[in-house]
Amino acid sequence: MGDTAKVFRSGGSQAIRLPKKYRVEGDEVRISRQGDRIVLEAPRHPWSRKFLDLAGSTDDFPYPDEPGPAKPGPELD
């Protein structure tokens, strides 16, 4: 069994206060559901604007594909 976190209201949204050991870098996380689980992940780093300006500028330098979704982890009891 894992730790618990406090759930509260912030404006019209529901929020979760994470314990210190679960703090994340930055001010955003990606969120998804896996069955009854809610999964928080660090956001993917978007391609830099300078890189995207170059991408597609010639046929041999196409726009990059977006990374696929994260693979689910192992089932936990």
Foldseek 3Di string as FASTA:
>chain_A
DDDDWDWDDDVPDIDTDDPPVPDDPDDDWDWDDDDPDIDTHRDDDDDDPVLQVPAPPDPVRHDDDDDDDDDDDDDDD
